[in-house]
Amino acid sequence: MVQTTTKTVKLHEIHINPDNPRTITEKQMQKLVKSLQEFPDMMELREIIVDENMMILGGNMRYLALKKVGEKTAPVKIVDGLTSEQKREFIIKDNANFGEWDMDMLANKWDELPLSEWGVELPIDWLNPIPDDNEPIDEQAMEETQNKCPKCGFEW
């Protein structure tokens, strides 16, 4: 039988999972750090999940972000009674992205919010929609907004 306990513990008591198959880019980590700094109550709403040995099952990246911002404690949910197979299943399913964003709803009801900063991967045309075939193209405006990749030189 699985039992859970929620409490706040010192970060040094928590063990990062060396078998965690998820990675994060530095840019994504910076967004996560910023997110936790701007909305610290998020951790109370979504604690780090650990097993009875304090090994992280869910929340490795939040744990690393908390360390980056200098936090000393974190709320955790301790799960006791899972088999090793159940722990592995949880690790994968907790990180799986089963849903898709409703882009129309985001555009019409959530567009005033910093969605990209909050981790929503928006399509390239989100900010600069592709014009309809019948709509005239303002070539001067396109030249002014043209961007160039500093690494490969690709222009868009």
N, C-alpha and C. Protein backbone atom coordinates (compact mmCIF):
# COMPACT_ATOMS: atom_id res chain seq x y z
N MET A 1 0.84 -1.17 0.00
CA MET A 1 0.00 0.00 0.00
C MET A 1 0.90 1.25 0.00
N VAL A 2 0.59 2.17 -0.89
CA VAL A 2 1.37 3.40 -1.01
C VAL A 2 0.88 4.42 0.01
N GLN A 3 1.82 5.04 0.70
CA GLN A 3 1.50 6.09 1.66
C GLN A 3 2.30 7.33 1.30
N THR A 4 1.69 8.50 1.52
CA THR A 4 2.39 9.75 1.23
C THR A 4 2.37 10.66 2.45
N THR A 5 3.44 11.42 2.58
CA THR A 5 3.57 12.42 3.63
C THR A 5 4.14 13.67 2.98
N THR A 6 3.58 14.81 3.30
CA THR A 6 4.09 16.07 2.77
C THR A 6 4.71 16.87 3.91
N LYS A 7 5.94 17.34 3.67
CA LYS A 7 6.61 18.17 4.67
C LYS A 7 7.71 18.98 3.99
N THR A 8 8.24 19.94 4.71
CA THR A 8 9.35 20.74 4.22
C THR A 8 10.65 20.16 4.78
N VAL A 9 11.62 19.96 3.88
CA VAL A 9 12.89 19.39 4.30
C VAL A 9 14.04 20.26 3.77
N LYS A 10 15.21 20.05 4.33
CA LYS A 10 16.40 20.75 3.85
C LYS A 10 16.83 20.15 2.52
N LEU A 11 17.26 21.01 1.61
CA LEU A 11 17.65 20.54 0.28
C LEU A 11 18.76 19.49 0.35
N HIS A 12 19.67 19.62 1.30
CA HIS A 12 20.77 18.66 1.36
C HIS A 12 20.30 17.26 1.76
N GLU A 13 19.06 17.13 2.24
CA GLU A 13 18.51 15.82 2.57
C GLU A 13 17.96 15.09 1.34
N ILE A 14 17.74 15.85 0.27
CA ILE A 14 17.15 15.31 -0.95
C ILE A 14 18.27 14.85 -1.88
N HIS A 15 18.05 13.73 -2.56
CA HIS A 15 19.05 13.19 -3.48
C HIS A 15 18.54 13.29 -4.91
N ILE A 16 19.34 13.94 -5.77
CA ILE A 16 18.99 14.02 -7.18
C ILE A 16 19.04 12.60 -7.75
N ASN A 17 18.14 12.31 -8.66
CA ASN A 17 18.08 10.98 -9.23
C ASN A 17 19.07 10.86 -10.39
N PRO A 18 20.12 10.05 -10.24
CA PRO A 18 21.11 9.93 -11.31
C PRO A 18 20.56 9.25 -12.56
N ASP A 19 19.43 8.56 -12.43
CA ASP A 19 18.82 7.88 -13.57
C ASP A 19 17.68 8.68 -14.18
N ASN A 20 17.56 9.95 -13.84
CA ASN A 20 16.50 10.78 -14.42
C ASN A 20 16.80 10.99 -15.91
N PRO A 21 15.87 10.58 -16.79
CA PRO A 21 16.13 10.69 -18.22
C PRO A 21 15.81 12.06 -18.81
N ARG A 22 15.33 13.01 -18.01
CA ARG A 22 15.00 14.35 -18.52
C ARG A 22 16.22 15.25 -18.41
N THR A 23 16.33 16.13 -19.38
CA THR A 23 17.40 17.13 -19.36
C THR A 23 16.76 18.50 -19.50
N ILE A 24 17.55 19.53 -19.28
CA ILE A 24 17.06 20.89 -19.41
C ILE A 24 18.21 21.74 -19.96
N THR A 25 17.88 22.63 -20.87
CA THR A 25 18.90 23.51 -21.41
C THR A 25 19.15 24.63 -20.40
N GLU A 26 20.25 25.33 -20.57
CA GLU A 26 20.56 26.45 -19.68
C GLU A 26 19.48 27.53 -19.78
N LYS A 27 18.99 27.77 -21.00
CA LYS A 27 17.94 28.77 -21.20
C LYS A 27 16.65 28.36 -20.47
N GLN A 28 16.30 27.08 -20.56
CA GLN A 28 15.11 26.60 -19.87
C GLN A 28 15.30 26.68 -18.35
N MET A 29 16.52 26.38 -17.88
CA MET A 29 16.80 26.47 -16.44
C MET A 29 16.66 27.90 -15.97
N GLN A 30 17.16 28.85 -16.77
CA GLN A 30 17.03 30.26 -16.40
C GLN A 30 15.55 30.65 -16.28
N LYS A 31 14.72 30.15 -17.19
CA LYS A 31 13.28 30.44 -17.12
C LYS A 31 12.66 29.82 -15.87
N LEU A 32 13.08 28.60 -15.55
CA LEU A 32 12.56 27.94 -14.35
C LEU A 32 12.98 28.68 -13.09
N VAL A 33 14.23 29.09 -13.03
CA VAL A 33 14.73 29.87 -11.88
C VAL A 33 13.92 31.15 -11.74
N LYS A 34 13.75 31.85 -12.85
CA LYS A 34 12.99 33.10 -12.83
C LYS A 34 11.55 32.85 -12.38
N SER A 35 10.97 31.77 -12.88
CA SER A 35 9.60 31.42 -12.51
C SER A 35 9.47 31.19 -11.01
N LEU A 36 10.41 30.46 -10.44
CA LEU A 36 10.36 30.19 -8.99
C LEU A 36 10.63 31.44 -8.17
N GLN A 37 11.47 32.33 -8.69
CA GLN A 37 11.72 33.59 -7.98
C GLN A 37 10.49 34.48 -8.01
N GLU A 38 9.80 34.53 -9.14
CA GLU A 38 8.63 35.40 -9.28
C GLU A 38 7.38 34.81 -8.63
N PHE A 39 7.31 33.50 -8.50
CA PHE A 39 6.13 32.84 -7.96
C PHE A 39 6.56 31.72 -7.01
N PRO A 40 7.16 32.09 -5.86
CA PRO A 40 7.68 31.07 -4.94
C PRO A 40 6.61 30.15 -4.37
N ASP A 41 5.37 30.60 -4.33
CA ASP A 41 4.30 29.73 -3.83
C ASP A 41 4.06 28.53 -4.73
N MET A 42 4.62 28.55 -5.93
CA MET A 42 4.48 27.42 -6.85
C MET A 42 4.97 26.13 -6.20
N MET A 43 6.02 26.22 -5.40
CA MET A 43 6.57 25.02 -4.75
C MET A 43 5.59 24.44 -3.73
N GLU A 44 4.79 25.28 -3.11
CA GLU A 44 3.78 24.77 -2.18
C GLU A 44 2.67 24.05 -2.93
N LEU A 45 2.44 24.47 -4.17
CA LEU A 45 1.39 23.88 -4.98
C LEU A 45 1.85 22.64 -5.73
N ARG A 46 3.17 22.55 -5.95
CA ARG A 46 3.70 21.42 -6.71
C ARG A 46 5.05 21.02 -6.11
N GLU A 47 4.95 20.28 -5.04
CA GLU A 47 6.15 19.91 -4.31
C GLU A 47 6.99 18.88 -5.08
N ILE A 48 8.22 18.70 -4.64
CA ILE A 48 9.11 17.68 -5.20
C ILE A 48 8.65 16.33 -4.67
N ILE A 49 8.59 15.34 -5.54
CA ILE A 49 8.17 13.99 -5.14
C ILE A 49 9.42 13.15 -4.91
N VAL A 50 9.53 12.56 -3.72
CA VAL A 50 10.67 11.72 -3.39
C VAL A 50 10.18 10.37 -2.87
N ASP A 51 11.08 9.38 -2.93
CA ASP A 51 10.72 8.08 -2.35
C ASP A 51 11.13 8.07 -0.87
N GLU A 52 10.99 6.92 -0.24
CA GLU A 52 11.28 6.80 1.18
C GLU A 52 12.76 7.04 1.51
N ASN A 53 13.63 7.00 0.49
CA ASN A 53 15.06 7.26 0.68
C ASN A 53 15.43 8.69 0.31
N MET A 54 14.42 9.52 0.06
CA MET A 54 14.58 10.93 -0.33
C MET A 54 15.22 11.08 -1.72
N MET A 55 15.09 10.05 -2.56
CA MET A 55 15.53 10.11 -3.96
C MET A 55 14.40 10.74 -4.76
N ILE A 56 14.75 11.72 -5.58
CA ILE A 56 13.73 12.43 -6.36
C ILE A 56 13.12 11.52 -7.42
N LEU A 57 11.80 11.47 -7.42
CA LEU A 57 11.05 10.77 -8.46
C LEU A 57 10.47 11.78 -9.44
N GLY A 58 10.14 12.97 -8.95
CA GLY A 58 9.58 14.03 -9.79
C GLY A 58 10.00 15.38 -9.24
N GLY A 59 10.69 16.17 -10.07
CA GLY A 59 11.09 17.50 -9.64
C GLY A 59 12.59 17.73 -9.62
N ASN A 60 13.36 16.92 -10.34
CA ASN A 60 14.81 17.11 -10.39
C ASN A 60 15.19 18.52 -10.81
N MET A 61 14.51 19.05 -11.83
CA MET A 61 14.87 20.38 -12.35
C MET A 61 14.46 21.48 -11.37
N ARG A 62 13.31 21.32 -10.71
CA ARG A 62 12.91 22.29 -9.69
C ARG A 62 13.90 22.27 -8.52
N TYR A 63 14.37 21.10 -8.16
CA TYR A 63 15.38 20.97 -7.12
C TYR A 63 16.65 21.74 -7.50
N LEU A 64 17.13 21.54 -8.74
CA LEU A 64 18.33 22.24 -9.19
C LEU A 64 18.11 23.75 -9.24
N ALA A 65 16.92 24.17 -9.68
CA ALA A 65 16.60 25.60 -9.73
C ALA A 65 16.57 26.20 -8.33
N LEU A 66 16.01 25.48 -7.37
CA LEU A 66 15.98 25.96 -5.98
C LEU A 66 17.40 26.14 -5.44
N LYS A 67 18.28 25.21 -5.77
CA LYS A 67 19.67 25.35 -5.34
C LYS A 67 20.31 26.57 -5.97
N LYS A 68 20.01 26.83 -7.25
CA LYS A 68 20.58 27.99 -7.95
C LYS A 68 20.16 29.31 -7.30
N VAL A 69 18.93 29.38 -6.81
CA VAL A 69 18.46 30.63 -6.19
C VAL A 69 18.83 30.72 -4.72
N GLY A 70 19.52 29.70 -4.20
CA GLY A 70 20.00 29.77 -2.82
C GLY A 70 19.02 29.32 -1.77
N GLU A 71 17.95 28.65 -2.19
CA GLU A 71 16.99 28.14 -1.20
C GLU A 71 17.66 27.05 -0.37
N LYS A 72 17.23 26.92 0.85
CA LYS A 72 17.79 25.90 1.76
C LYS A 72 16.81 24.76 2.02
N THR A 73 15.51 25.02 1.79
CA THR A 73 14.48 24.01 2.05
C THR A 73 13.52 23.93 0.86
N ALA A 74 12.76 22.85 0.85
CA ALA A 74 11.73 22.69 -0.18
C ALA A 74 10.63 21.78 0.35
N PRO A 75 9.39 22.04 -0.07
CA PRO A 75 8.33 21.12 0.27
C PRO A 75 8.45 19.85 -0.58
N VAL A 76 8.30 18.71 0.07
CA VAL A 76 8.38 17.43 -0.64
C VAL A 76 7.17 16.58 -0.28
N LYS A 77 6.83 15.71 -1.21
CA LYS A 77 5.85 14.67 -0.93
C LYS A 77 6.65 13.37 -0.92
N ILE A 78 6.69 12.73 0.23
CA ILE A 78 7.42 11.47 0.38
C ILE A 78 6.45 10.34 0.09
N VAL A 79 6.82 9.52 -0.89
CA VAL A 79 5.99 8.40 -1.30
C VAL A 79 6.67 7.12 -0.83
N ASP A 80 5.97 6.36 -0.02
CA ASP A 80 6.52 5.11 0.53
C ASP A 80 5.64 3.95 0.07
N GLY A 81 6.28 2.89 -0.38
CA GLY A 81 5.53 1.70 -0.75
C GLY A 81 5.49 1.39 -2.24
N LEU A 82 6.15 2.19 -3.04
CA LEU A 82 6.20 1.90 -4.48
C LEU A 82 7.27 0.85 -4.75
N THR A 83 7.00 -0.03 -5.70
CA THR A 83 8.04 -0.96 -6.14
C THR A 83 9.02 -0.20 -7.02
N SER A 84 10.17 -0.79 -7.27
CA SER A 84 11.15 -0.12 -8.15
C SER A 84 10.57 0.06 -9.55
N GLU A 85 9.75 -0.88 -10.02
CA GLU A 85 9.11 -0.74 -11.32
C GLU A 85 8.12 0.43 -11.32
N GLN A 86 7.36 0.59 -10.25
CA GLN A 86 6.41 1.71 -10.14
C GLN A 86 7.15 3.04 -10.09
N LYS A 87 8.27 3.08 -9.40
CA LYS A 87 9.07 4.31 -9.35
C LYS A 87 9.53 4.69 -10.74
N ARG A 88 10.04 3.72 -11.50
CA ARG A 88 10.52 4.00 -12.86
C ARG A 88 9.36 4.46 -13.74
N GLU A 89 8.20 3.82 -13.59
CA GLU A 89 7.02 4.22 -14.37
C GLU A 89 6.61 5.65 -14.03
N PHE A 90 6.62 5.97 -12.74
CA PHE A 90 6.24 7.33 -12.33
C PHE A 90 7.19 8.36 -12.92
N ILE A 91 8.49 8.09 -12.88
CA ILE A 91 9.49 9.03 -13.39
C ILE A 91 9.19 9.37 -14.86
N ILE A 92 8.89 8.37 -15.65
CA ILE A 92 8.60 8.61 -17.07
C ILE A 92 7.26 9.30 -17.25
N LYS A 93 6.22 8.80 -16.61
CA LYS A 93 4.89 9.37 -16.80
C LYS A 93 4.79 10.79 -16.25
N ASP A 94 5.51 11.09 -15.19
CA ASP A 94 5.50 12.43 -14.62
C ASP A 94 6.11 13.44 -15.58
N ASN A 95 7.03 13.00 -16.41
CA ASN A 95 7.70 13.88 -17.35
C ASN A 95 7.13 13.83 -18.75
N ALA A 96 6.19 12.93 -19.00
CA ALA A 96 5.60 12.82 -20.33
C ALA A 96 4.63 13.98 -20.56
N ASN A 97 4.62 14.46 -21.78
CA ASN A 97 3.71 15.54 -22.15
C ASN A 97 2.58 14.92 -22.96
N PHE A 98 1.47 14.65 -22.31
CA PHE A 98 0.36 13.98 -22.97
C PHE A 98 -0.57 14.94 -23.71
N GLY A 99 -0.58 16.20 -23.34
CA GLY A 99 -1.53 17.14 -23.93
C GLY A 99 -0.88 18.08 -24.93
N GLU A 100 -1.71 18.83 -25.58
CA GLU A 100 -1.28 19.86 -26.52
C GLU A 100 -1.95 21.17 -26.10
N TRP A 101 -1.35 22.29 -26.44
CA TRP A 101 -1.93 23.59 -26.15
C TRP A 101 -3.02 23.90 -27.16
N ASP A 102 -4.10 24.48 -26.70
CA ASP A 102 -5.15 25.00 -27.58
C ASP A 102 -4.70 26.41 -27.96
N MET A 103 -4.08 26.53 -29.14
CA MET A 103 -3.48 27.80 -29.55
C MET A 103 -4.52 28.91 -29.72
N ASP A 104 -5.72 28.56 -30.19
CA ASP A 104 -6.77 29.57 -30.32
C ASP A 104 -7.13 30.15 -28.95
N MET A 105 -7.28 29.28 -27.96
CA MET A 105 -7.62 29.76 -26.63
C MET A 105 -6.48 30.59 -26.04
N LEU A 106 -5.24 30.12 -26.23
CA LEU A 106 -4.10 30.91 -25.74
C LEU A 106 -4.09 32.28 -26.39
N ALA A 107 -4.33 32.33 -27.70
CA ALA A 107 -4.28 33.60 -28.43
C ALA A 107 -5.41 34.54 -28.02
N ASN A 108 -6.55 33.99 -27.69
CA ASN A 108 -7.72 34.82 -27.41
C ASN A 108 -7.96 35.11 -25.94
N LYS A 109 -7.48 34.25 -25.04
CA LYS A 109 -7.79 34.44 -23.63
C LYS A 109 -6.57 34.56 -22.74
N TRP A 110 -5.40 34.24 -23.25
CA TRP A 110 -4.20 34.23 -22.43
C TRP A 110 -3.06 35.05 -23.04
N ASP A 111 -3.30 35.72 -24.15
CA ASP A 111 -2.22 36.36 -24.91
C ASP A 111 -1.57 37.54 -24.21
N GLU A 112 -2.19 38.11 -23.20
CA GLU A 112 -1.58 39.25 -22.50
C GLU A 112 -0.56 38.79 -21.46
N LEU A 113 -0.44 37.50 -21.27
CA LEU A 113 0.48 36.96 -20.26
C LEU A 113 1.81 36.56 -20.90
N PRO A 114 2.88 36.52 -20.12
CA PRO A 114 4.19 36.15 -20.66
C PRO A 114 4.32 34.63 -20.81
N LEU A 115 3.53 34.07 -21.71
CA LEU A 115 3.45 32.62 -21.86
C LEU A 115 4.80 31.97 -22.15
N SER A 116 5.57 32.57 -23.03
CA SER A 116 6.87 32.01 -23.38
C SER A 116 7.79 31.97 -22.16
N GLU A 117 7.75 33.02 -21.36
CA GLU A 117 8.56 33.05 -20.14
C GLU A 117 8.13 31.98 -19.15
N TRP A 118 6.86 31.61 -19.22
CA TRP A 118 6.33 30.60 -18.31
C TRP A 118 6.56 29.18 -18.81
N GLY A 119 7.22 29.04 -19.96
CA GLY A 119 7.56 27.72 -20.46
C GLY A 119 6.69 27.19 -21.57
N VAL A 120 5.75 27.98 -22.06
CA VAL A 120 4.92 27.54 -23.18
C VAL A 120 5.70 27.74 -24.47
N GLU A 121 5.92 26.65 -25.20
CA GLU A 121 6.63 26.76 -26.47
C GLU A 121 5.63 27.19 -27.54
N LEU A 122 5.79 28.42 -27.96
CA LEU A 122 4.87 29.01 -28.93
C LEU A 122 5.42 28.84 -30.34
N PRO A 123 4.53 28.72 -31.32
CA PRO A 123 5.01 28.61 -32.70
C PRO A 123 5.71 29.89 -33.14
N ILE A 124 6.58 29.76 -34.12
CA ILE A 124 7.36 30.90 -34.61
C ILE A 124 6.46 32.04 -35.05
N ASP A 125 5.34 31.74 -35.65
CA ASP A 125 4.47 32.80 -36.18
C ASP A 125 3.55 33.41 -35.13
N TRP A 126 3.74 33.07 -33.86
CA TRP A 126 2.89 33.60 -32.79
C TRP A 126 2.94 35.12 -32.75
N LEU A 127 4.14 35.68 -32.79
CA LEU A 127 4.28 37.13 -32.70
C LEU A 127 4.24 37.81 -34.07
N ASN A 128 4.64 37.12 -35.11
CA ASN A 128 4.66 37.67 -36.46
C ASN A 128 3.89 36.73 -37.37
N PRO A 129 2.56 36.82 -37.36
CA PRO A 129 1.77 35.88 -38.16
C PRO A 129 2.10 36.00 -39.65
N ILE A 130 2.02 34.87 -40.30
CA ILE A 130 2.24 34.84 -41.74
C ILE A 130 1.03 35.47 -42.41
N PRO A 131 1.23 36.46 -43.31
CA PRO A 131 0.09 37.12 -43.93
C PRO A 131 -0.68 36.19 -44.87
N ASP A 132 -1.97 36.49 -45.02
CA ASP A 132 -2.79 35.76 -45.99
C ASP A 132 -2.25 36.03 -47.38
N ASP A 133 -2.55 35.13 -48.32
CA ASP A 133 -2.11 35.32 -49.70
C ASP A 133 -2.65 36.61 -50.30
N ASN A 134 -3.83 37.04 -49.86
CA ASN A 134 -4.47 38.23 -50.40
C ASN A 134 -4.03 39.52 -49.72
N GLU A 135 -3.32 39.40 -48.62
CA GLU A 135 -2.91 40.57 -47.86
C GLU A 135 -1.59 41.10 -48.41
N PRO A 136 -1.49 42.40 -48.68
CA PRO A 136 -0.23 42.94 -49.22
C PRO A 136 0.89 42.84 -48.18
N ILE A 137 2.08 42.57 -48.66
CA ILE A 137 3.24 42.44 -47.79
C ILE A 137 3.99 43.76 -47.74
N ASP A 138 4.25 44.23 -46.55
CA ASP A 138 5.01 45.47 -46.35
C ASP A 138 6.49 45.08 -46.31
N GLU A 139 7.16 45.15 -47.47
CA GLU A 139 8.54 44.70 -47.58
C GLU A 139 9.49 45.52 -46.72
N GLN A 140 9.22 46.81 -46.58
CA GLN A 140 10.08 47.65 -45.75
C GLN A 140 10.00 47.19 -44.29
N ALA A 141 8.80 46.90 -43.82
CA ALA A 141 8.64 46.43 -42.45
C ALA A 141 9.33 45.09 -42.26
N MET A 142 9.27 44.24 -43.28
CA MET A 142 9.92 42.93 -43.19
C MET A 142 11.44 43.10 -43.07
N GLU A 143 12.01 44.04 -43.85
CA GLU A 143 13.45 44.27 -43.78
C GLU A 143 13.84 44.79 -42.40
N GLU A 144 13.01 45.64 -41.82
CA GLU A 144 13.32 46.21 -40.51
C GLU A 144 13.24 45.16 -39.40
N THR A 145 12.41 44.14 -39.57
CA THR A 145 12.25 43.14 -38.52
C THR A 145 13.04 41.88 -38.80
N GLN A 146 13.85 41.88 -39.84
CA GLN A 146 14.62 40.69 -40.18
C GLN A 146 15.63 40.39 -39.07
N ASN A 147 15.73 39.12 -38.73
CA ASN A 147 16.65 38.68 -37.69
C ASN A 147 17.72 37.79 -38.30
N LYS A 148 18.84 37.67 -37.60
CA LYS A 148 19.94 36.85 -38.08
C LYS A 148 20.49 36.03 -36.93
N CYS A 149 20.65 34.73 -37.16
CA CYS A 149 21.22 33.84 -36.15
C CYS A 149 22.71 34.13 -36.02
N PRO A 150 23.19 34.40 -34.79
CA PRO A 150 24.60 34.72 -34.62
C PRO A 150 25.53 33.53 -34.85
N LYS A 151 25.00 32.31 -34.79
CA LYS A 151 25.84 31.13 -34.96
C LYS A 151 25.98 30.71 -36.42
N CYS A 152 24.82 30.62 -37.13
CA CYS A 152 24.88 30.09 -38.50
C CYS A 152 24.64 31.15 -39.57
N GLY A 153 24.16 32.33 -39.18
CA GLY A 153 23.91 33.38 -40.14
C GLY A 153 22.56 33.32 -40.83
N PHE A 154 21.73 32.32 -40.47
CA PHE A 154 20.40 32.20 -41.07
C PHE A 154 19.58 33.43 -40.76
N GLU A 155 18.94 33.98 -41.79
CA GLU A 155 18.12 35.17 -41.62
C GLU A 155 16.65 34.81 -41.75
N TRP A 156 15.82 35.47 -40.93
CA TRP A 156 14.38 35.29 -41.00
C TRP A 156 13.68 36.58 -40.74
